[in-house]
Protein backbone atom coordinates (compact mmCIF):
# COMPACT_ATOMS: atom_id res chain seq x y z
CA MET A 1 -8.49 -11.11 -22.93
CA ALA A 2 -6.68 -8.42 -21.62
CA ASN A 3 -9.60 -5.78 -22.18
CA THR A 4 -11.94 -8.41 -20.51
CA GLN A 5 -9.59 -8.43 -17.72
CA SER A 6 -9.49 -4.97 -17.48
CA THR A 7 -13.29 -4.70 -17.53
CA GLN A 8 -13.32 -7.05 -14.65
CA ALA A 9 -10.88 -5.74 -12.56
CA LEU A 10 -12.89 -2.19 -12.99
CA THR A 11 -16.35 -3.65 -12.11
CA LYS A 12 -14.57 -4.56 -8.72
CA SER A 13 -13.12 -1.98 -8.28
CA GLY A 14 -16.71 0.15 -8.42
CA GLU A 15 -18.10 -2.79 -6.53
CA ALA A 16 -15.80 -2.05 -3.85
CA VAL A 17 -16.30 1.88 -4.02
CA ASP A 18 -20.06 0.82 -3.66
CA LYS A 19 -19.77 -1.44 -0.75
CA ALA A 20 -16.98 1.95 0.78
CA ASN A 21 -19.87 3.90 0.45
CA ASN A 22 -22.78 1.91 1.97
CA ALA A 23 -20.39 0.66 5.12
CA GLU A 24 -19.46 4.45 5.31
CA THR A 25 -23.36 5.48 4.84
CA ILE A 26 -24.16 2.66 7.65
CA ALA A 27 -21.14 4.08 10.12
CA ASN A 28 -22.85 7.55 9.78
CA GLN A 29 -26.15 6.13 10.67
CA ALA A 30 -24.90 3.95 13.57
CA HIS A 31 -22.82 7.11 14.85
CA LEU A 32 -26.01 9.18 14.69
CA ALA A 33 -27.83 6.70 16.80
CA SER A 34 -25.33 7.03 19.63
CA GLN A 35 -25.34 10.39 19.98
CA GLN A 36 -29.20 10.22 19.75
CA ALA A 37 -29.13 7.42 22.49
CA VAL A 38 -26.35 9.66 24.93
CA GLU A 39 -28.71 12.53 24.64
CA LYS A 40 -31.76 10.46 25.57
CA SER A 41 -29.04 9.24 28.65
CA ASP A 42 -28.66 12.80 29.84
CA GLN A 43 -31.93 13.33 29.56
CA SER A 44 -33.07 10.57 31.85
CA VAL A 45 -30.32 11.42 33.86
CA THR A 46 -31.70 15.42 34.11
CA THR A 47 -35.12 13.50 34.98
CA ALA A 48 -34.00 11.22 37.70
CA ASN A 49 -32.06 14.05 39.50
CA ILE A 50 -35.20 16.57 39.32
CA ALA A 51 -37.11 13.61 40.37
CA LEU A 52 -34.87 12.71 43.57
CA ARG A 53 -34.47 16.42 44.24
CA LYS A 54 -38.55 16.21 44.88
CA ALA A 55 -38.62 13.09 46.89
CA ASN A 56 -35.97 14.78 49.26
CA ASN A 57 -37.96 18.28 49.22
CA ALA A 58 -41.27 17.10 50.02
CA ASP A 59 -42.19 14.66 52.54
CA LYS A 60 -46.13 14.38 51.11
CA ASN A 61 -44.81 12.99 47.57
CA THR A 62 -41.77 10.90 48.65
CA ALA A 63 -43.24 7.64 46.94
CA GLU A 64 -44.36 9.35 43.88
CA ALA A 65 -41.03 10.73 43.46
CA ASN A 66 -39.23 7.62 44.10
CA VAL A 67 -41.50 6.15 41.79
CA SER A 68 -40.97 8.84 39.43
CA ALA A 69 -37.23 8.41 39.96
CA THR A 70 -36.90 4.70 39.22
CA LYS A 71 -38.56 5.55 35.95
CA ALA A 72 -36.10 7.87 34.97
CA ILE A 73 -33.00 5.85 35.93
CA GLU A 74 -34.92 3.09 34.17
CA SER A 75 -34.86 5.04 30.95
CA ALA A 76 -31.42 6.03 31.59
CA THR A 77 -30.38 2.87 31.57
CA GLN A 78 -32.41 1.76 28.63
CA ALA A 79 -30.68 4.82 26.74
CA LEU A 80 -26.93 3.66 28.21
CA THR A 81 -27.93 0.05 26.55
CA GLN A 82 -28.63 1.76 23.03
CA ALA A 83 -25.83 3.87 23.12
CA THR A 84 -23.51 0.71 24.03
CA GLU A 85 -24.86 -1.30 21.13
CA ALA A 86 -25.26 1.94 18.76
CA ASN A 87 -21.18 2.03 19.10
CA LYS A 88 -20.88 -1.73 18.82
CA LEU A 89 -22.36 -1.07 15.29
CA ALA A 90 -20.38 1.74 14.57
CA VAL A 91 -17.22 -0.24 15.37
CA ILE A 92 -18.29 -2.66 12.93
CA ALA A 93 -19.25 0.14 10.26
CA ASP A 94 -15.79 1.07 10.82
CA GLY A 95 -14.38 -1.87 9.85
CA ASN A 96 -16.64 -2.79 7.06
CA VAL A 97 -15.87 0.60 5.81
CA LYS A 98 -11.98 -0.65 5.99
CA GLN A 99 -12.49 -3.58 4.13
CA ALA A 100 -14.12 -1.99 1.28
CA GLN A 101 -11.43 0.28 1.19
CA ALA A 102 -9.03 -2.30 1.19
CA GLN A 103 -10.71 -3.91 -1.74
CA SER A 104 -11.08 -1.04 -3.52
CA VAL A 105 -7.61 -0.36 -3.63
CA SER A 106 -7.09 -4.82 -4.47
CA ALA A 107 -9.58 -4.05 -7.57
CA ASN A 108 -7.83 -0.65 -8.77
CA ASN A 109 -4.59 -3.07 -8.49
CA LEU A 110 -5.92 -5.29 -10.34
CA ALA A 111 -7.09 -2.92 -13.35
CA THR A 112 -3.53 -1.41 -13.08
CA THR A 113 -2.04 -4.71 -14.06
CA ALA A 114 -4.77 -5.66 -16.80
CA LYS A 115 -4.43 -2.12 -18.24
CA THR A 116 -0.41 -3.22 -18.24
CA ASN A 117 -1.00 -6.65 -19.93
CA ALA A 118 -3.58 -4.88 -22.55
CA ASP A 119 -0.63 -2.36 -23.22
CA LYS A 120 2.36 -5.06 -23.86
CA ALA A 121 -0.61 -7.40 -25.65
CA LEU A 122 -1.40 -4.02 -28.21
CA LEU A 123 2.98 -3.96 -28.15
CA ASP A 124 2.93 -7.43 -29.42
CA SER A 125 0.29 -7.16 -31.51
CA SER A 126 2.20 -3.85 -33.07
CA LYS A 127 5.55 -6.00 -33.21
CA ALA A 128 3.70 -9.12 -35.06
CA ILE A 129 2.19 -6.60 -37.80
CA SER A 130 5.67 -4.83 -38.32
CA ASP A 131 7.01 -8.50 -38.83
CA ALA A 132 4.29 -9.90 -40.93
CA ASN A 133 4.73 -6.96 -43.01
CA GLN A 134 8.71 -7.07 -43.23
CA ALA A 135 7.96 -10.94 -44.39
CA ASN A 136 5.62 -9.89 -46.93
CA VAL A 137 8.07 -7.70 -48.39
CA THR A 138 11.02 -10.39 -48.33
CA ALA A 139 8.29 -12.50 -49.99
CA ASN A 140 7.53 -10.17 -52.61
CA THR A 141 10.81 -9.39 -53.11
CA ALA A 142 11.51 -12.93 -53.67
CA ASN A 143 8.79 -13.63 -56.10
CA ASP A 144 9.80 -10.55 -57.89
CA LYS A 145 13.53 -12.41 -58.33
CA SER A 146 11.94 -15.58 -58.77
CA ILE A 147 9.82 -14.13 -61.98
CA LEU A 148 12.92 -12.52 -63.72
CA PHE A 149 14.75 -15.44 -63.21
CA TRP A 150 12.20 -17.23 -64.78
CA VAL A 151 11.90 -14.79 -67.75
CA SER A 152 15.17 -14.08 -68.49
CA GLY A 153 15.61 -18.01 -68.34
């Protein structure tokens, strides 16, 4: 029974480690997406600044530059929204990593308890075997005395 508990606890421990690794991978992916979104936002802001300079410097192209600036600002807004979503995912993934780590610790504690129980069961079994051997020696001695008594009778 203790071996079954130990095996189950080790299986749970492995599953918790797998969950921790998966959550860490998701956190890394979310972090990368957040960085890419911030880079896109920076590029969009640069584009918006260039477009605004064109609008101020060229009276003929003012309308065209304003359209370009508006598109760049819309792109920057979209990139910031994506960065915000990526950051939310990173926070969730971080929570999942911490939860999986806690489950791993719990599973390791169960495995340790199961091993302790298995060790105790082994000691109890050894003691029972020793007691049975002692009882056998006592029974054999009594049997030998009984035979001597019967023979000498």
